[in-house]
Amino acid sequence: MIRVVLVDDQTLIRQGVRSLLALSDDIEVVGEASDGQEALEIVPKLKPDVLLLDLRMPNINGLEVLETLAERDEQPPTLILTTFDDDELVLGGIRAGAKGYLLKDVALDDLLDAVRTLAAGNTLVNPAITDRLIKGLKAHSTEFSALEQPEAMTGRETEILRLMAGGYSNKEIARALDVAEGTIKNHVSNILSKMGVRDRTRAVLKAIEAGLI
């Protein structure tokens, strides 16, 4: 069972997401918080497999929650719940350790897939708002800790980076390129190493900033 904690200051949002997750037989909401302070109290206690986190909250916002949990080494795989006007906050959340982001009006299947993706140790890039993030990156520096120019990418690695930016999984990329999934995993590992980052989301953002894609 995938254990989820849901943090959002809007009661209707929490009720809606909880109702959707309840339709699955492998996901359970084990806790809820209506603000950042409450989140900082319950997340370390409950140790969820996935944290669904709103960024815009009074007092302690979601970004501060992420940063504090990271400092305490208590940050679970986190999925940001966002709207179309939250681009800069989403980028801040990803820098603070979030593994992906999802629109609040997400469809059931996409929500369940997203939770399962993070629980499995992967990251999530939603194609619906990737374009907006790209536009945001043109106006704001991402200030990665490792900002050296990435090592040169091969043509195949650049191709895979573009598909990663579109939100495609390793399996989907392998199918699109007609190669084995293991081959794609190897390419992704090489890409992360060359980019000097820890996960796919940061690789995509850094590649955009560097003008590679």
N, C-alpha and C. Protein backbone atom coordinates (compact mmCIF):
# COMPACT_ATOMS: atom_id res chain seq x y z
N MET A 1 0.84 -1.19 0.00
CA MET A 1 0.00 0.00 0.00
C MET A 1 0.88 1.25 0.00
N ILE A 2 0.60 2.19 -0.90
CA ILE A 2 1.34 3.45 -0.98
C ILE A 2 0.70 4.45 -0.01
N ARG A 3 1.49 4.91 0.95
CA ARG A 3 0.98 5.80 1.98
C ARG A 3 1.22 7.25 1.58
N VAL A 4 0.15 8.06 1.59
CA VAL A 4 0.21 9.43 1.10
C VAL A 4 -0.20 10.40 2.20
N VAL A 5 0.52 11.52 2.27
CA VAL A 5 0.09 12.65 3.10
C VAL A 5 -0.27 13.80 2.17
N LEU A 6 -1.39 14.43 2.42
CA LEU A 6 -1.93 15.48 1.56
C LEU A 6 -1.90 16.81 2.31
N VAL A 7 -1.26 17.82 1.72
CA VAL A 7 -1.14 19.12 2.38
C VAL A 7 -1.66 20.21 1.45
N ASP A 8 -2.76 20.85 1.85
CA ASP A 8 -3.35 21.95 1.08
C ASP A 8 -4.25 22.74 2.01
N ASP A 9 -4.20 24.07 1.92
CA ASP A 9 -5.01 24.87 2.82
C ASP A 9 -6.47 24.96 2.39
N GLN A 10 -6.78 24.48 1.19
CA GLN A 10 -8.16 24.50 0.70
C GLN A 10 -8.84 23.16 0.99
N THR A 11 -9.86 23.22 1.83
CA THR A 11 -10.55 21.99 2.24
C THR A 11 -11.12 21.25 1.05
N LEU A 12 -11.69 21.97 0.10
CA LEU A 12 -12.31 21.32 -1.06
C LEU A 12 -11.27 20.57 -1.90
N ILE A 13 -10.08 21.15 -2.02
CA ILE A 13 -9.01 20.48 -2.77
C ILE A 13 -8.62 19.18 -2.07
N ARG A 14 -8.44 19.26 -0.75
CA ARG A 14 -8.06 18.05 -0.02
C ARG A 14 -9.14 16.98 -0.12
N GLN A 15 -10.39 17.39 0.01
CA GLN A 15 -11.48 16.41 -0.09
C GLN A 15 -11.53 15.80 -1.48
N GLY A 16 -11.33 16.62 -2.50
CA GLY A 16 -11.39 16.12 -3.87
C GLY A 16 -10.28 15.13 -4.17
N VAL A 17 -9.04 15.49 -3.78
CA VAL A 17 -7.91 14.60 -4.03
C VAL A 17 -8.05 13.31 -3.22
N ARG A 18 -8.47 13.44 -1.96
CA ARG A 18 -8.66 12.26 -1.13
C ARG A 18 -9.70 11.32 -1.75
N SER A 19 -10.78 11.89 -2.27
CA SER A 19 -11.85 11.08 -2.87
C SER A 19 -11.33 10.33 -4.10
N LEU A 20 -10.50 11.01 -4.89
CA LEU A 20 -9.93 10.35 -6.07
C LEU A 20 -9.00 9.22 -5.67
N LEU A 21 -8.14 9.48 -4.71
CA LEU A 21 -7.18 8.46 -4.28
C LEU A 21 -7.88 7.26 -3.65
N ALA A 22 -9.04 7.51 -3.03
CA ALA A 22 -9.79 6.43 -2.38
C ALA A 22 -10.33 5.42 -3.39
N LEU A 23 -10.38 5.81 -4.66
CA LEU A 23 -10.87 4.92 -5.70
C LEU A 23 -9.83 3.86 -6.07
N SER A 24 -8.61 4.03 -5.58
CA SER A 24 -7.55 3.06 -5.85
C SER A 24 -7.44 2.09 -4.69
N ASP A 25 -7.07 0.86 -4.99
CA ASP A 25 -6.92 -0.14 -3.93
C ASP A 25 -5.47 -0.30 -3.48
N ASP A 26 -4.57 0.54 -4.02
CA ASP A 26 -3.16 0.43 -3.61
C ASP A 26 -2.60 1.74 -3.06
N ILE A 27 -3.48 2.74 -2.86
CA ILE A 27 -3.04 4.04 -2.34
C ILE A 27 -3.93 4.43 -1.17
N GLU A 28 -3.31 4.89 -0.10
CA GLU A 28 -4.07 5.27 1.10
C GLU A 28 -3.58 6.63 1.62
N VAL A 29 -4.51 7.56 1.85
CA VAL A 29 -4.17 8.83 2.47
C VAL A 29 -4.10 8.60 3.98
N VAL A 30 -2.90 8.71 4.53
CA VAL A 30 -2.71 8.42 5.95
C VAL A 30 -2.70 9.67 6.81
N GLY A 31 -2.71 10.84 6.17
CA GLY A 31 -2.72 12.08 6.94
C GLY A 31 -2.97 13.28 6.06
N GLU A 32 -3.50 14.34 6.67
CA GLU A 32 -3.76 15.60 5.97
C GLU A 32 -3.29 16.76 6.82
N ALA A 33 -2.89 17.84 6.16
CA ALA A 33 -2.53 19.07 6.86
C ALA A 33 -3.09 20.25 6.08
N SER A 34 -3.51 21.28 6.81
CA SER A 34 -4.11 22.45 6.18
C SER A 34 -3.15 23.63 6.11
N ASP A 35 -1.95 23.46 6.67
CA ASP A 35 -0.94 24.53 6.57
C ASP A 35 0.45 23.93 6.75
N GLY A 36 1.46 24.78 6.52
CA GLY A 36 2.83 24.30 6.57
C GLY A 36 3.28 23.84 7.94
N GLN A 37 2.85 24.54 8.97
CA GLN A 37 3.25 24.15 10.32
C GLN A 37 2.76 22.75 10.66
N GLU A 38 1.50 22.49 10.32
CA GLU A 38 0.93 21.17 10.58
C GLU A 38 1.65 20.11 9.76
N ALA A 39 2.02 20.47 8.52
CA ALA A 39 2.74 19.52 7.67
C ALA A 39 4.08 19.14 8.29
N LEU A 40 4.79 20.12 8.85
CA LEU A 40 6.10 19.85 9.45
C LEU A 40 5.97 18.96 10.69
N GLU A 41 4.79 18.95 11.28
CA GLU A 41 4.57 18.11 12.46
C GLU A 41 4.22 16.68 12.08
N ILE A 42 3.36 16.51 11.06
CA ILE A 42 2.86 15.17 10.77
C ILE A 42 3.72 14.38 9.79
N VAL A 43 4.38 15.05 8.86
CA VAL A 43 5.16 14.31 7.86
C VAL A 43 6.27 13.46 8.50
N PRO A 44 7.08 14.02 9.42
CA PRO A 44 8.12 13.18 10.04
C PRO A 44 7.53 12.02 10.84
N LYS A 45 6.36 12.22 11.43
CA LYS A 45 5.75 11.17 12.24
C LYS A 45 5.19 10.05 11.36
N LEU A 46 4.52 10.43 10.27
CA LEU A 46 3.84 9.45 9.43
C LEU A 46 4.76 8.80 8.40
N LYS A 47 5.83 9.52 8.03
CA LYS A 47 6.80 9.00 7.05
C LYS A 47 6.09 8.42 5.81
N PRO A 48 5.36 9.26 5.08
CA PRO A 48 4.63 8.78 3.90
C PRO A 48 5.56 8.38 2.76
N ASP A 49 5.03 7.55 1.88
CA ASP A 49 5.78 7.19 0.67
C ASP A 49 5.77 8.34 -0.33
N VAL A 50 4.69 9.12 -0.30
CA VAL A 50 4.55 10.27 -1.21
C VAL A 50 3.88 11.41 -0.46
N LEU A 51 4.38 12.61 -0.66
CA LEU A 51 3.77 13.82 -0.10
C LEU A 51 3.18 14.64 -1.24
N LEU A 52 1.88 14.94 -1.17
CA LEU A 52 1.22 15.83 -2.12
C LEU A 52 1.14 17.19 -1.46
N LEU A 53 1.78 18.19 -2.03
CA LEU A 53 2.01 19.46 -1.33
C LEU A 53 1.61 20.67 -2.16
N ASP A 54 0.73 21.49 -1.57
CA ASP A 54 0.42 22.79 -2.15
C ASP A 54 1.53 23.76 -1.77
N LEU A 55 1.87 24.69 -2.66
CA LEU A 55 2.93 25.64 -2.36
C LEU A 55 2.41 26.94 -1.76
N ARG A 56 1.22 27.34 -2.16
CA ARG A 56 0.66 28.61 -1.68
C ARG A 56 -0.20 28.36 -0.44
N MET A 57 0.40 28.59 0.72
CA MET A 57 -0.32 28.42 1.98
C MET A 57 0.07 29.56 2.91
N PRO A 58 -0.81 29.94 3.83
CA PRO A 58 -0.49 31.02 4.78
C PRO A 58 0.57 30.59 5.78
N ASN A 59 1.21 31.59 6.40
CA ASN A 59 2.24 31.37 7.41
C ASN A 59 3.45 30.66 6.83
N ILE A 60 3.53 29.36 6.96
CA ILE A 60 4.63 28.59 6.38
C ILE A 60 4.16 28.00 5.06
N ASN A 61 4.75 28.44 3.94
CA ASN A 61 4.29 27.94 2.65
C ASN A 61 4.95 26.61 2.28
N GLY A 62 4.51 26.05 1.17
CA GLY A 62 5.00 24.74 0.77
C GLY A 62 6.49 24.71 0.48
N LEU A 63 7.01 25.80 -0.07
CA LEU A 63 8.44 25.87 -0.36
C LEU A 63 9.25 25.79 0.93
N GLU A 64 8.80 26.50 1.96
CA GLU A 64 9.49 26.45 3.25
C GLU A 64 9.38 25.06 3.88
N VAL A 65 8.25 24.41 3.67
CA VAL A 65 8.08 23.03 4.15
C VAL A 65 9.12 22.12 3.51
N LEU A 66 9.26 22.22 2.20
CA LEU A 66 10.24 21.40 1.48
C LEU A 66 11.65 21.66 1.99
N GLU A 67 12.00 22.92 2.12
CA GLU A 67 13.36 23.28 2.55
C GLU A 67 13.64 22.78 3.97
N THR A 68 12.65 22.94 4.85
CA THR A 68 12.84 22.50 6.24
C THR A 68 12.96 20.98 6.33
N LEU A 69 12.10 20.27 5.60
CA LEU A 69 12.17 18.81 5.61
C LEU A 69 13.50 18.32 5.05
N ALA A 70 13.99 19.02 4.02
CA ALA A 70 15.28 18.64 3.42
C ALA A 70 16.41 18.86 4.42
N GLU A 71 16.37 19.97 5.14
CA GLU A 71 17.40 20.26 6.13
C GLU A 71 17.42 19.19 7.22
N ARG A 72 16.24 18.68 7.56
CA ARG A 72 16.13 17.65 8.61
C ARG A 72 16.35 16.24 8.06
N ASP A 73 16.57 16.14 6.76
CA ASP A 73 16.68 14.84 6.09
C ASP A 73 15.41 14.02 6.30
N GLU A 74 14.27 14.68 6.23
CA GLU A 74 12.97 14.03 6.43
C GLU A 74 12.02 14.27 5.25
N GLN A 75 12.58 14.64 4.11
CA GLN A 75 11.74 14.97 2.96
C GLN A 75 11.38 13.71 2.17
N PRO A 76 10.10 13.35 2.13
CA PRO A 76 9.69 12.19 1.32
C PRO A 76 9.59 12.61 -0.15
N PRO A 77 9.46 11.66 -1.07
CA PRO A 77 9.20 12.01 -2.47
C PRO A 77 7.97 12.92 -2.53
N THR A 78 8.15 14.11 -3.09
CA THR A 78 7.10 15.13 -3.01
C THR A 78 6.60 15.53 -4.39
N LEU A 79 5.28 15.58 -4.51
CA LEU A 79 4.62 16.00 -5.73
C LEU A 79 3.91 17.32 -5.45
N ILE A 80 4.31 18.35 -6.17
CA ILE A 80 3.71 19.67 -5.99
C ILE A 80 2.35 19.72 -6.67
N LEU A 81 1.34 20.19 -5.94
CA LEU A 81 0.03 20.44 -6.52
C LEU A 81 0.00 21.91 -6.93
N THR A 82 -0.22 22.19 -8.20
CA THR A 82 -0.05 23.55 -8.69
C THR A 82 -1.19 23.98 -9.60
N THR A 83 -1.22 25.28 -9.88
CA THR A 83 -2.14 25.85 -10.86
C THR A 83 -1.32 26.48 -11.96
N PHE A 84 -1.96 26.99 -12.98
CA PHE A 84 -1.22 27.51 -14.13
C PHE A 84 -0.44 28.79 -13.84
N ASP A 85 -0.67 29.44 -12.68
CA ASP A 85 0.03 30.69 -12.42
C ASP A 85 1.12 30.53 -11.36
N ASP A 86 1.56 29.31 -11.12
CA ASP A 86 2.53 29.04 -10.06
C ASP A 86 3.93 28.71 -10.58
N ASP A 87 4.26 29.13 -11.80
CA ASP A 87 5.51 28.69 -12.43
C ASP A 87 6.75 28.92 -11.58
N GLU A 88 6.91 30.14 -11.06
CA GLU A 88 8.12 30.46 -10.32
C GLU A 88 8.20 29.65 -9.02
N LEU A 89 7.06 29.47 -8.36
CA LEU A 89 7.04 28.67 -7.14
C LEU A 89 7.38 27.21 -7.44
N VAL A 90 6.86 26.70 -8.57
CA VAL A 90 7.16 25.32 -8.95
C VAL A 90 8.66 25.14 -9.14
N LEU A 91 9.30 26.09 -9.82
CA LEU A 91 10.75 26.00 -10.01
C LEU A 91 11.47 26.02 -8.67
N GLY A 92 11.00 26.86 -7.76
CA GLY A 92 11.59 26.90 -6.43
C GLY A 92 11.41 25.58 -5.70
N GLY A 93 10.22 24.97 -5.87
CA GLY A 93 9.95 23.69 -5.24
C GLY A 93 10.84 22.60 -5.77
N ILE A 94 11.10 22.61 -7.05
CA ILE A 94 11.98 21.59 -7.65
C ILE A 94 13.40 21.78 -7.15
N ARG A 95 13.84 23.04 -7.05
CA ARG A 95 15.17 23.28 -6.51
C ARG A 95 15.28 22.78 -5.07
N ALA A 96 14.14 22.86 -4.35
CA ALA A 96 14.14 22.46 -2.94
C ALA A 96 13.97 20.95 -2.76
N GLY A 97 13.82 20.22 -3.87
CA GLY A 97 13.81 18.77 -3.75
C GLY A 97 12.56 18.06 -4.23
N ALA A 98 11.53 18.79 -4.65
CA ALA A 98 10.31 18.13 -5.15
C ALA A 98 10.65 17.28 -6.36
N LYS A 99 9.96 16.16 -6.50
CA LYS A 99 10.23 15.22 -7.58
C LYS A 99 9.32 15.41 -8.79
N GLY A 100 8.37 16.32 -8.69
CA GLY A 100 7.48 16.55 -9.82
C GLY A 100 6.37 17.50 -9.45
N TYR A 101 5.49 17.76 -10.39
CA TYR A 101 4.40 18.69 -10.17
C TYR A 101 3.21 18.27 -10.99
N LEU A 102 2.03 18.64 -10.51
CA LEU A 102 0.79 18.18 -11.13
C LEU A 102 -0.27 19.26 -10.95
N LEU A 103 -1.08 19.46 -11.97
CA LEU A 103 -2.14 20.44 -11.87
C LEU A 103 -3.23 19.97 -10.92
N LYS A 104 -3.83 20.93 -10.20
CA LYS A 104 -4.84 20.57 -9.20
C LYS A 104 -6.11 19.98 -9.81
N ASP A 105 -6.38 20.28 -11.07
CA ASP A 105 -7.57 19.73 -11.71
C ASP A 105 -7.25 18.45 -12.48
N VAL A 106 -6.25 17.71 -11.99
CA VAL A 106 -5.78 16.51 -12.66
C VAL A 106 -6.87 15.45 -12.76
N ALA A 107 -6.82 14.67 -13.83
CA ALA A 107 -7.75 13.56 -13.99
C ALA A 107 -7.32 12.41 -13.08
N LEU A 108 -8.27 11.54 -12.78
CA LEU A 108 -8.01 10.43 -11.86
C LEU A 108 -6.82 9.59 -12.27
N ASP A 109 -6.80 9.11 -13.50
CA ASP A 109 -5.72 8.22 -13.93
C ASP A 109 -4.36 8.89 -13.82
N ASP A 110 -4.30 10.18 -14.17
CA ASP A 110 -3.03 10.90 -14.10
C ASP A 110 -2.57 11.06 -12.65
N LEU A 111 -3.51 11.31 -11.76
CA LEU A 111 -3.17 11.45 -10.34
C LEU A 111 -2.62 10.14 -9.78
N LEU A 112 -3.32 9.04 -10.06
CA LEU A 112 -2.87 7.74 -9.56
C LEU A 112 -1.52 7.36 -10.14
N ASP A 113 -1.35 7.61 -11.44
CA ASP A 113 -0.07 7.31 -12.09
C ASP A 113 1.06 8.13 -11.47
N ALA A 114 0.76 9.39 -11.16
CA ALA A 114 1.77 10.27 -10.59
C ALA A 114 2.22 9.77 -9.21
N VAL A 115 1.28 9.41 -8.37
CA VAL A 115 1.60 8.91 -7.04
C VAL A 115 2.42 7.63 -7.14
N ARG A 116 2.01 6.74 -8.02
CA ARG A 116 2.74 5.48 -8.19
C ARG A 116 4.14 5.72 -8.74
N THR A 117 4.27 6.70 -9.63
CA THR A 117 5.57 7.03 -10.22
C THR A 117 6.54 7.48 -9.15
N LEU A 118 6.11 8.38 -8.27
CA LEU A 118 6.99 8.86 -7.21
C LEU A 118 7.29 7.76 -6.19
N ALA A 119 6.28 6.95 -5.87
CA ALA A 119 6.48 5.87 -4.91
C ALA A 119 7.51 4.87 -5.42
N ALA A 120 7.61 4.75 -6.74
CA ALA A 120 8.56 3.82 -7.34
C ALA A 120 9.96 4.41 -7.46
N GLY A 121 10.12 5.65 -6.99
CA GLY A 121 11.44 6.27 -7.01
C GLY A 121 11.74 7.09 -8.24
N ASN A 122 10.71 7.37 -9.06
CA ASN A 122 10.92 8.14 -10.27
C ASN A 122 10.45 9.58 -10.09
N THR A 123 10.67 10.41 -11.09
CA THR A 123 10.22 11.80 -11.07
C THR A 123 9.16 12.01 -12.13
N LEU A 124 8.46 13.13 -12.03
CA LEU A 124 7.34 13.38 -12.92
C LEU A 124 7.40 14.79 -13.48
N VAL A 125 7.36 14.87 -14.80
CA VAL A 125 7.27 16.16 -15.47
C VAL A 125 5.97 16.15 -16.26
N ASN A 126 5.05 17.04 -15.92
CA ASN A 126 3.75 17.09 -16.58
C ASN A 126 3.85 17.91 -17.86
N PRO A 127 3.65 17.30 -19.04
CA PRO A 127 3.78 18.05 -20.30
C PRO A 127 2.85 19.26 -20.36
N ALA A 128 1.74 19.25 -19.62
CA ALA A 128 0.78 20.34 -19.69
C ALA A 128 1.36 21.66 -19.22
N ILE A 129 2.35 21.64 -18.34
CA ILE A 129 2.91 22.91 -17.89
C ILE A 129 4.40 23.03 -18.15
N THR A 130 4.99 22.05 -18.84
CA THR A 130 6.41 22.14 -19.16
C THR A 130 6.71 23.39 -19.98
N ASP A 131 5.87 23.70 -20.96
CA ASP A 131 6.10 24.89 -21.79
C ASP A 131 6.13 26.16 -20.96
N ARG A 132 5.25 26.25 -19.97
CA ARG A 132 5.22 27.44 -19.13
C ARG A 132 6.48 27.53 -18.27
N LEU A 133 6.97 26.39 -17.80
CA LEU A 133 8.20 26.39 -17.03
C LEU A 133 9.38 26.84 -17.90
N ILE A 134 9.37 26.39 -19.14
CA ILE A 134 10.44 26.79 -20.06
C ILE A 134 10.44 28.30 -20.23
N LYS A 135 9.26 28.89 -20.41
CA LYS A 135 9.16 30.34 -20.55
C LYS A 135 9.66 31.03 -19.28
N GLY A 136 9.33 30.46 -18.13
CA GLY A 136 9.78 31.03 -16.87
C GLY A 136 11.29 31.00 -16.74
N LEU A 137 11.90 29.94 -17.25
CA LEU A 137 13.35 29.80 -17.15
C LEU A 137 14.08 30.85 -17.98
N LYS A 138 13.42 31.37 -19.01
CA LYS A 138 14.05 32.40 -19.84
C LYS A 138 14.20 33.72 -19.08
N ALA A 139 13.35 33.87 -18.05
CA ALA A 139 13.36 35.12 -17.29
C ALA A 139 14.03 34.99 -15.93
N HIS A 140 14.24 33.75 -15.46
CA HIS A 140 14.79 33.54 -14.12
C HIS A 140 15.92 32.53 -14.17
N SER A 141 17.01 32.83 -13.47
CA SER A 141 18.09 31.86 -13.34
C SER A 141 17.66 30.76 -12.40
N THR A 142 17.98 29.50 -12.74
CA THR A 142 17.60 28.39 -11.88
C THR A 142 18.57 28.19 -10.72
N GLU A 143 19.76 28.78 -10.81
CA GLU A 143 20.71 28.76 -9.69
C GLU A 143 20.95 27.36 -9.13
N PHE A 144 21.27 26.43 -10.00
CA PHE A 144 21.60 25.09 -9.54
C PHE A 144 22.92 25.13 -8.79
N SER A 145 23.07 24.19 -7.84
CA SER A 145 24.31 24.14 -7.08
C SER A 145 25.49 23.75 -7.98
N ALA A 146 25.22 22.92 -8.98
CA ALA A 146 26.25 22.54 -9.94
C ALA A 146 25.92 23.21 -11.26
N LEU A 147 26.47 24.42 -11.48
CA LEU A 147 26.05 25.21 -12.63
C LEU A 147 27.09 25.24 -13.73
N GLU A 148 28.13 24.40 -13.61
CA GLU A 148 29.11 24.34 -14.66
C GLU A 148 28.44 23.88 -15.95
N GLN A 149 29.04 24.26 -17.08
CA GLN A 149 28.50 23.83 -18.36
C GLN A 149 28.51 22.31 -18.42
N PRO A 150 27.36 21.69 -18.71
CA PRO A 150 27.31 20.22 -18.76
C PRO A 150 28.26 19.66 -19.82
N GLU A 151 28.71 18.43 -19.58
CA GLU A 151 29.52 17.77 -20.60
C GLU A 151 28.70 17.64 -21.88
N ALA A 152 29.40 17.58 -23.00
CA ALA A 152 28.73 17.50 -24.29
C ALA A 152 27.85 16.25 -24.37
N MET A 153 26.64 16.44 -24.89
CA MET A 153 25.70 15.34 -25.05
C MET A 153 25.84 14.73 -26.45
N THR A 154 25.63 13.44 -26.54
CA THR A 154 25.56 12.81 -27.85
C THR A 154 24.21 13.16 -28.48
N GLY A 155 24.07 12.90 -29.75
CA GLY A 155 22.81 13.15 -30.42
C GLY A 155 21.67 12.35 -29.80
N ARG A 156 21.96 11.12 -29.45
CA ARG A 156 20.94 10.26 -28.84
C ARG A 156 20.55 10.78 -27.46
N GLU A 157 21.53 11.22 -26.68
CA GLU A 157 21.23 11.75 -25.35
C GLU A 157 20.38 13.01 -25.44
N THR A 158 20.67 13.86 -26.40
CA THR A 158 19.85 15.07 -26.58
C THR A 158 18.43 14.71 -26.97
N GLU A 159 18.30 13.72 -27.82
CA GLU A 159 16.97 13.24 -28.22
C GLU A 159 16.19 12.74 -27.01
N ILE A 160 16.86 11.98 -26.17
CA ILE A 160 16.21 11.45 -24.97
C ILE A 160 15.86 12.57 -24.00
N LEU A 161 16.73 13.56 -23.88
CA LEU A 161 16.44 14.72 -23.03
C LEU A 161 15.17 15.43 -23.47
N ARG A 162 14.99 15.57 -24.78
CA ARG A 162 13.78 16.23 -25.29
C ARG A 162 12.53 15.43 -24.92
N LEU A 163 12.63 14.12 -25.00
CA LEU A 163 11.49 13.27 -24.63
C LEU A 163 11.26 13.33 -23.12
N MET A 164 12.33 13.38 -22.35
CA MET A 164 12.18 13.54 -20.90
C MET A 164 11.46 14.85 -20.58
N ALA A 165 11.80 15.91 -21.32
CA ALA A 165 11.16 17.21 -21.10
C ALA A 165 9.67 17.15 -21.42
N GLY A 166 9.30 16.22 -22.29
CA GLY A 166 7.89 16.06 -22.62
C GLY A 166 7.13 15.22 -21.62
N GLY A 167 7.84 14.73 -20.60
CA GLY A 167 7.19 13.97 -19.55
C GLY A 167 7.10 12.48 -19.80
N TYR A 168 7.85 11.98 -20.79
CA TYR A 168 7.75 10.56 -21.13
C TYR A 168 8.60 9.71 -20.19
N SER A 169 8.09 8.54 -19.84
CA SER A 169 8.81 7.60 -18.98
C SER A 169 9.86 6.86 -19.79
N ASN A 170 10.75 6.15 -19.09
CA ASN A 170 11.77 5.35 -19.78
C ASN A 170 11.13 4.35 -20.74
N LYS A 171 10.05 3.72 -20.28
CA LYS A 171 9.37 2.73 -21.11
C LYS A 171 8.81 3.37 -22.38
N GLU A 172 8.21 4.56 -22.23
CA GLU A 172 7.63 5.25 -23.39
C GLU A 172 8.72 5.72 -24.34
N ILE A 173 9.84 6.17 -23.79
CA ILE A 173 10.96 6.60 -24.65
C ILE A 173 11.52 5.40 -25.40
N ALA A 174 11.67 4.28 -24.70
CA ALA A 174 12.19 3.07 -25.35
C ALA A 174 11.29 2.65 -26.50
N ARG A 175 9.97 2.73 -26.27
CA ARG A 175 9.02 2.36 -27.32
C ARG A 175 9.12 3.31 -28.50
N ALA A 176 9.26 4.61 -28.20
CA ALA A 176 9.33 5.60 -29.28
C ALA A 176 10.59 5.44 -30.11
N LEU A 177 11.69 5.07 -29.46
CA LEU A 177 12.97 4.95 -30.17
C LEU A 177 13.26 3.52 -30.60
N ASP A 178 12.35 2.60 -30.27
CA ASP A 178 12.46 1.20 -30.65
C ASP A 178 13.76 0.58 -30.15
N VAL A 179 14.02 0.80 -28.84
CA VAL A 179 15.18 0.17 -28.21
C VAL A 179 14.72 -0.43 -26.88
N ALA A 180 15.61 -1.17 -26.23
CA ALA A 180 15.27 -1.78 -24.94
C ALA A 180 15.19 -0.72 -23.84
N GLU A 181 14.31 -0.95 -22.87
CA GLU A 181 14.17 0.00 -21.77
C GLU A 181 15.48 0.12 -20.99
N GLY A 182 16.21 -0.98 -20.86
CA GLY A 182 17.49 -0.93 -20.17
C GLY A 182 18.48 0.01 -20.83
N THR A 183 18.42 0.07 -22.16
CA THR A 183 19.29 0.98 -22.90
C THR A 183 18.97 2.43 -22.55
N ILE A 184 17.68 2.74 -22.44
CA ILE A 184 17.27 4.09 -22.09
C ILE A 184 17.71 4.43 -20.67
N LYS A 185 17.58 3.47 -19.75
CA LYS A 185 18.02 3.70 -18.37
C LYS A 185 19.50 4.04 -18.32
N ASN A 186 20.29 3.35 -19.14
CA ASN A 186 21.72 3.65 -19.19
C ASN A 186 21.98 5.04 -19.71
N HIS A 187 21.24 5.43 -20.77
CA HIS A 187 21.39 6.77 -21.33
C HIS A 187 21.01 7.83 -20.29
N VAL A 188 19.91 7.58 -19.57
CA VAL A 188 19.45 8.54 -18.57
C VAL A 188 20.50 8.70 -17.47
N SER A 189 21.09 7.59 -17.04
CA SER A 189 22.14 7.65 -16.02
C SER A 189 23.32 8.49 -16.51
N ASN A 190 23.69 8.29 -17.79
CA ASN A 190 24.78 9.08 -18.37
C ASN A 190 24.43 10.56 -18.43
N ILE A 191 23.17 10.84 -18.77
CA ILE A 191 22.71 12.23 -18.86
C ILE A 191 22.79 12.90 -17.49
N LEU A 192 22.31 12.22 -16.45
CA LEU A 192 22.34 12.79 -15.11
C LEU A 192 23.78 13.06 -14.67
N SER A 193 24.67 12.13 -15.01
CA SER A 193 26.07 12.30 -14.65
C SER A 193 26.68 13.50 -15.36
N LYS A 194 26.39 13.62 -16.65
CA LYS A 194 26.95 14.73 -17.42
C LYS A 194 26.38 16.07 -16.97
N MET A 195 25.11 16.06 -16.55
CA MET A 195 24.47 17.30 -16.13
C MET A 195 24.85 17.67 -14.70
N GLY A 196 25.40 16.71 -13.95
CA GLY A 196 25.76 16.99 -12.57
C GLY A 196 24.55 17.16 -11.67
N VAL A 197 23.47 16.40 -11.95
CA VAL A 197 22.24 16.51 -11.16
C VAL A 197 21.83 15.12 -10.69
N ARG A 198 20.81 15.10 -9.77
CA ARG A 198 20.43 13.85 -9.14
C ARG A 198 19.24 13.16 -9.77
N ASP A 199 18.40 13.92 -10.50
CA ASP A 199 17.20 13.30 -11.02
C ASP A 199 16.80 13.91 -12.37
N ARG A 200 15.79 13.29 -12.98
CA ARG A 200 15.36 13.66 -14.33
C ARG A 200 14.83 15.09 -14.40
N THR A 201 14.07 15.50 -13.39
CA THR A 201 13.48 16.84 -13.43
C THR A 201 14.55 17.91 -13.46
N ARG A 202 15.55 17.78 -12.60
CA ARG A 202 16.64 18.76 -12.60
C ARG A 202 17.45 18.70 -13.89
N ALA A 203 17.58 17.51 -14.45
CA ALA A 203 18.30 17.39 -15.72
C ALA A 203 17.59 18.17 -16.82
N VAL A 204 16.28 18.05 -16.86
CA VAL A 204 15.50 18.76 -17.87
C VAL A 204 15.63 20.26 -17.68
N LEU A 205 15.47 20.74 -16.44
CA LEU A 205 15.54 22.17 -16.19
C LEU A 205 16.92 22.74 -16.49
N LYS A 206 17.96 22.00 -16.12
CA LYS A 206 19.31 22.48 -16.39
C LYS A 206 19.61 22.47 -17.88
N ALA A 207 19.10 21.46 -18.59
CA ALA A 207 19.31 21.38 -20.03
C ALA A 207 18.63 22.57 -20.74
N ILE A 208 17.44 22.94 -20.24
CA ILE A 208 16.73 24.08 -20.82
C ILE A 208 17.54 25.35 -20.59
N GLU A 209 18.00 25.51 -19.35
CA GLU A 209 18.78 26.71 -19.02
C GLU A 209 20.05 26.80 -19.85
N ALA A 210 20.69 25.66 -20.09
CA ALA A 210 21.93 25.65 -20.85
C ALA A 210 21.70 25.73 -22.35
N GLY A 211 20.43 25.72 -22.77
CA GLY A 211 20.10 25.83 -24.19
C GLY A 211 20.32 24.54 -24.97
N LEU A 212 20.35 23.41 -24.25
CA LEU A 212 20.60 22.14 -24.93
C LEU A 212 19.34 21.61 -25.60
N ILE A 213 18.18 22.00 -25.10
CA ILE A 213 16.90 21.55 -25.69
C ILE A 213 15.95 22.74 -25.79
